Amino acid sequence: MRGKAVAVNVACWSYESRGALCAYFEDPEPRSEGLELDISRGDFGINYYAPVVDLLRFAERDGRGRDVNIFTLPGLDLRLALHPELDAVIRDGDHMEDWLEILPDTHGLSVNEVHLGPDGIALLPGDSWLRREYEK
C-alpha cells in the first residue's frame, strides 16, 4: 500500500444464525508497529463499502422501510439489507465522510428478523445456502 508491502493476518469464522449469514473476524495483536496509513475517513469508507456498491448494481429492490432497505440478488440466492441512510450515503460517493456518523444508529438494529451488523449491513442467505450438498 502506497509503495509498501502489506501482510494482513485475519481469522474469519462464518456461520448461520436466525436465517442470516454471519461472520466473525479476529484481528490478532500486531507483531510490529505496522504502517501509518494516510487515508481519509471518506476514502476508507469508499473502499470498505465498494463490494456492497458493486452488488447493488445487480440487485433488485425487495423492500424499503424506514429502518432497513432490502435488495435481492437472485443469481446468488442472497438478500442484502442496509440501513436507509447508509444506503443513500454509499451510493452517493460525494458524502462518504458522513458514513461513520450513521453507524451508531445501525448496530443491533432488528427489523422483521433482519439484524444489521455494526457496519449497517446484513446478508440474508436463501434456502440454497442452508442446504448441505448431500441433501439435494
C-alpha atoms as a PDB file:
ATOM      1  CA  MET A   1       0.000   0.000   0.000  1.00  0.00           C
ATOM      2  CA  ARG A   2       1.443   3.318  -1.074  1.00  0.00           C
ATOM      3  CA  GLY A   3       4.572   1.506  -2.267  1.00  0.00           C
ATOM      4  CA  LYS A   4       4.991  -0.750   0.779  1.00  0.00           C
ATOM      5  CA  ALA A   5       4.213  -4.453   1.051  1.00  0.00           C
ATOM      6  CA  VAL A   6       1.322  -5.237   3.373  1.00  0.00           C
ATOM      7  CA  ALA A   7       0.658  -8.551   5.080  1.00  0.00           C
ATOM      8  CA  VAL A   8      -2.753  -8.990   6.664  1.00  0.00           C
ATOM      9  CA  ASN A   9      -3.346 -11.782   9.143  1.00  0.00           C
ATOM     10  CA  VAL A  10      -7.019 -12.128   9.972  1.00  0.00           C
ATOM     11  CA  ALA A  11      -9.029 -15.166  11.005  1.00  0.00           C
ATOM     12  CA  CYS A  12     -12.663 -15.435   9.898  1.00  0.00           C
ATOM     13  CA  TRP A  13     -15.450 -17.684  11.117  1.00  0.00           C
ATOM     14  CA  SER A  14     -18.737 -17.701   9.242  1.00  0.00           C
ATOM     15  CA  TYR A  15     -21.986 -19.222  10.433  1.00  0.00           C
ATOM     16  CA  GLU A  16     -25.761 -19.066  10.041  1.00  0.00           C
ATOM     17  CA  SER A  17     -27.852 -17.518  12.803  1.00  0.00           C
ATOM     18  CA  ARG A  18     -31.605 -16.910  12.648  1.00  0.00           C
ATOM     19  CA  GLY A  19     -31.586 -17.099   8.844  1.00  0.00           C
ATOM     20  CA  ALA A  20     -28.704 -14.642   8.391  1.00  0.00           C
ATOM     21  CA  LEU A  21     -25.172 -15.310   7.191  1.00  0.00           C
ATOM     22  CA  CYS A  22     -22.833 -14.045   9.923  1.00  0.00           C
ATOM     23  CA  ALA A  23     -19.079 -13.684  10.092  1.00  0.00           C
ATOM     24  CA  TYR A  24     -16.673 -13.022  12.915  1.00  0.00           C
ATOM     25  CA  PHE A  25     -13.235 -11.631  12.158  1.00  0.00           C
ATOM     26  CA  GLU A  26     -10.357 -11.846  14.617  1.00  0.00           C
ATOM     27  CA  ASP A  27      -7.572  -9.363  14.088  1.00  0.00           C
ATOM     28  CA  PRO A  28      -4.605 -10.674  16.091  1.00  0.00           C
ATOM     29  CA  GLU A  29      -2.250  -8.468  18.057  1.00  0.00           C
ATOM     30  CA  PRO A  30       0.332  -6.868  15.764  1.00  0.00           C
ATOM     31  CA  ARG A  31       3.898  -8.187  15.759  1.00  0.00           C
ATOM     32  CA  SER A  32       5.365  -4.812  14.842  1.00  0.00           C
ATOM     33  CA  GLU A  33       4.472  -1.142  14.713  1.00  0.00           C
ATOM     34  CA  GLY A  34       2.959  -1.543  11.262  1.00  0.00           C
ATOM     35  CA  LEU A  35       2.423   1.215   8.741  1.00  0.00           C
ATOM     36  CA  GLU A  36       0.959   4.625   9.333  1.00  0.00           C
ATOM     37  CA  LEU A  37      -1.680   4.989   6.651  1.00  0.00           C
ATOM     38  CA  ASP A  38      -2.628   8.418   5.458  1.00  0.00           C
ATOM     39  CA  ILE A  39      -6.223   7.808   4.371  1.00  0.00           C
ATOM     40  CA  SER A  40      -9.274   9.941   4.963  1.00  0.00           C
ATOM     41  CA  ARG A  41     -12.434   8.567   6.562  1.00  0.00           C
ATOM     42  CA  GLY A  42     -14.208   9.105   3.253  1.00  0.00           C
ATOM     43  CA  ASP A  43     -11.629   7.156   1.259  1.00  0.00           C
ATOM     44  CA  PHE A  44     -11.671   4.358   3.822  1.00  0.00           C
ATOM     45  CA  GLY A  45     -15.479   4.196   3.612  1.00  0.00           C
ATOM     46  CA  ILE A  46     -15.429   4.176  -0.185  1.00  0.00           C
ATOM     47  CA  ASN A  47     -13.011   1.229  -0.176  1.00  0.00           C
ATOM     48  CA  TYR A  48     -14.817  -0.654   2.620  1.00  0.00           C
ATOM     49  CA  TYR A  49     -18.260  -0.401   1.015  1.00  0.00           C
ATOM     50  CA  ALA A  50     -17.102  -0.810  -2.628  1.00  0.00           C
ATOM     51  CA  PRO A  51     -18.133  -4.510  -2.777  1.00  0.00           C
ATOM     52  CA  VAL A  52     -21.613  -3.564  -1.499  1.00  0.00           C
ATOM     53  CA  VAL A  53     -21.963  -0.833  -4.122  1.00  0.00           C
ATOM     54  CA  ASP A  54     -20.894  -3.363  -6.783  1.00  0.00           C
ATOM     55  CA  LEU A  55     -23.501  -5.877  -5.578  1.00  0.00           C
ATOM     56  CA  LEU A  56     -26.225  -3.223  -5.585  1.00  0.00           C
ATOM     57  CA  ARG A  57     -25.692  -2.719  -9.318  1.00  0.00           C
ATOM     58  CA  PHE A  58     -27.043  -6.237  -9.876  1.00  0.00           C
ATOM     59  CA  ALA A  59     -29.643  -6.256  -7.101  1.00  0.00           C
ATOM     60  CA  GLU A  60     -33.391  -5.794  -7.254  1.00  0.00           C
ATOM     61  CA  ARG A  61     -35.088  -3.756  -4.535  1.00  0.00           C
ATOM     62  CA  ASP A  62     -37.080  -6.197  -2.409  1.00  0.00           C
ATOM     63  CA  GLY A  63     -38.339  -3.842   0.231  1.00  0.00           C
ATOM     64  CA  ARG A  64     -37.912  -0.338   1.528  1.00  0.00           C
ATOM     65  CA  GLY A  65     -38.700   0.731   5.016  1.00  0.00           C
ATOM     66  CA  ARG A  66     -37.999   3.455   7.452  1.00  0.00           C
ATOM     67  CA  ASP A  67     -35.393   1.306   9.204  1.00  0.00           C
ATOM     68  CA  VAL A  68     -33.992  -1.047   6.554  1.00  0.00           C
ATOM     69  CA  ASN A  69     -33.700  -1.381   2.769  1.00  0.00           C
ATOM     70  CA  ILE A  70     -33.622  -4.915   1.375  1.00  0.00           C
ATOM     71  CA  PHE A  71     -32.222  -5.956  -2.010  1.00  0.00           C
ATOM     72  CA  THR A  72     -32.360  -9.361  -3.708  1.00  0.00           C
ATOM     73  CA  LEU A  73     -29.509 -10.946  -5.654  1.00  0.00           C
ATOM     74  CA  PRO A  74     -31.442 -13.794  -7.323  1.00  0.00           C
ATOM     75  CA  GLY A  75     -28.458 -15.440  -9.013  1.00  0.00           C
ATOM     76  CA  LEU A  76     -26.767 -15.787  -5.637  1.00  0.00           C
ATOM     77  CA  ASP A  77     -29.911 -16.700  -3.648  1.00  0.00           C
ATOM     78  CA  LEU A  78     -28.948 -13.899  -1.317  1.00  0.00           C
ATOM     79  CA  ARG A  79     -30.587 -10.758   0.052  1.00  0.00           C
ATOM     80  CA  LEU A  80     -28.698  -7.706   1.229  1.00  0.00           C
ATOM     81  CA  ALA A  81     -30.111  -5.377   3.886  1.00  0.00           C
ATOM     82  CA  LEU A  82     -28.846  -1.853   4.516  1.00  0.00           C
ATOM     83  CA  HIS A  83     -29.762   0.990   6.795  1.00  0.00           C
ATOM     84  CA  PRO A  84     -31.547   3.528   4.509  1.00  0.00           C
ATOM     85  CA  GLU A  85     -29.222   6.409   5.445  1.00  0.00           C
ATOM     86  CA  LEU A  86     -26.155   4.252   4.834  1.00  0.00           C
ATOM     87  CA  ASP A  87     -27.653   3.126   1.509  1.00  0.00           C
ATOM     88  CA  ALA A  88     -28.007   6.767   0.431  1.00  0.00           C
ATOM     89  CA  VAL A  89     -24.501   7.739   1.577  1.00  0.00           C
ATOM     90  CA  ILE A  90     -22.627   4.853  -0.058  1.00  0.00           C
ATOM     91  CA  ARG A  91     -24.490   5.267  -3.363  1.00  0.00           C
ATOM     92  CA  ASP A  92     -23.658   8.986  -3.366  1.00  0.00           C
ATOM     93  CA  GLY A  93     -19.874   8.798  -3.045  1.00  0.00           C
ATOM     94  CA  ASP A  94     -19.703  12.579  -2.544  1.00  0.00           C
ATOM     95  CA  HIS A  95     -20.669  12.346   1.146  1.00  0.00           C
ATOM     96  CA  MET A  96     -18.615   9.377   2.318  1.00  0.00           C
ATOM     97  CA  GLU A  97     -17.167  11.423   5.184  1.00  0.00           C
ATOM     98  CA  ASP A  98     -20.611  11.023   6.836  1.00  0.00           C
ATOM     99  CA  TRP A  99     -20.712   7.219   6.907  1.00  0.00           C
ATOM    100  CA  LEU A 100     -19.285   6.909  10.429  1.00  0.00           C
ATOM    101  CA  GLU A 101     -21.965   9.174  11.908  1.00  0.00           C
ATOM    102  CA  ILE A 102     -24.703   6.801  10.713  1.00  0.00           C
ATOM    103  CA  LEU A 103     -23.210   3.594  12.127  1.00  0.00           C
ATOM    104  CA  PRO A 104     -24.020   4.028  15.835  1.00  0.00           C
ATOM    105  CA  ASP A 105     -27.714   4.013  14.921  1.00  0.00           C
ATOM    106  CA  THR A 106     -27.431   0.794  12.898  1.00  0.00           C
ATOM    107  CA  HIS A 107     -25.667  -1.501  15.369  1.00  0.00           C
ATOM    108  CA  GLY A 108     -28.046  -4.173  16.576  1.00  0.00           C
ATOM    109  CA  LEU A 109     -30.987  -2.736  14.644  1.00  0.00           C
ATOM    110  CA  SER A 110     -33.503  -5.532  14.173  1.00  0.00           C
ATOM    111  CA  VAL A 111     -36.470  -5.101  11.849  1.00  0.00           C
ATOM    112  CA  ASN A 112     -38.665  -8.014  10.770  1.00  0.00           C
ATOM    113  CA  GLU A 113     -35.985 -10.584  11.661  1.00  0.00           C
ATOM    114  CA  VAL A 114     -33.263  -8.571   9.879  1.00  0.00           C
ATOM    115  CA  HIS A 115     -30.363  -7.910  12.236  1.00  0.00           C
ATOM    116  CA  LEU A 116     -27.954  -5.294  10.897  1.00  0.00           C
ATOM    117  CA  GLY A 117     -24.293  -5.719  11.768  1.00  0.00           C
ATOM    118  CA  PRO A 118     -22.106  -2.975  13.215  1.00  0.00           C
ATOM    119  CA  ASP A 119     -21.308  -1.818   9.651  1.00  0.00           C
ATOM    120  CA  GLY A 120     -25.009  -1.306   8.811  1.00  0.00           C
ATOM    121  CA  ILE A 121     -25.177  -4.382   6.578  1.00  0.00           C
ATOM    122  CA  ALA A 122     -26.922  -7.748   6.838  1.00  0.00           C
ATOM    123  CA  LEU A 123     -26.530 -10.649   4.408  1.00  0.00           C
ATOM    124  CA  LEU A 124     -29.587 -12.911   4.322  1.00  0.00           C
ATOM    125  CA  PRO A 125     -28.906 -16.267   2.667  1.00  0.00           C
ATOM    126  CA  GLY A 126     -31.649 -18.100   0.785  1.00  0.00           C
ATOM    127  CA  ASP A 127     -32.560 -21.749   1.223  1.00  0.00           C
ATOM    128  CA  SER A 128     -29.739 -22.986  -1.006  1.00  0.00           C
ATOM    129  CA  TRP A 129     -27.186 -21.609   1.488  1.00  0.00           C
ATOM    130  CA  LEU A 130     -28.766 -23.582   4.298  1.00  0.00           C
ATOM    131  CA  ARG A 131     -28.874 -26.960   2.485  1.00  0.00           C
ATOM    132  CA  ARG A 132     -25.975 -29.314   2.576  1.00  0.00           C
ATOM    133  CA  GLU A 133     -24.788 -30.608  -0.790  1.00  0.00           C
ATOM    134  CA  TYR A 134     -25.610 -34.209   0.153  1.00  0.00           C
ATOM    135  CA  GLU A 135     -29.250 -33.312   0.947  1.00  0.00           C
ATOM    136  CA  LYS A 136     -30.026 -32.495  -2.719  1.00  0.00           C
END
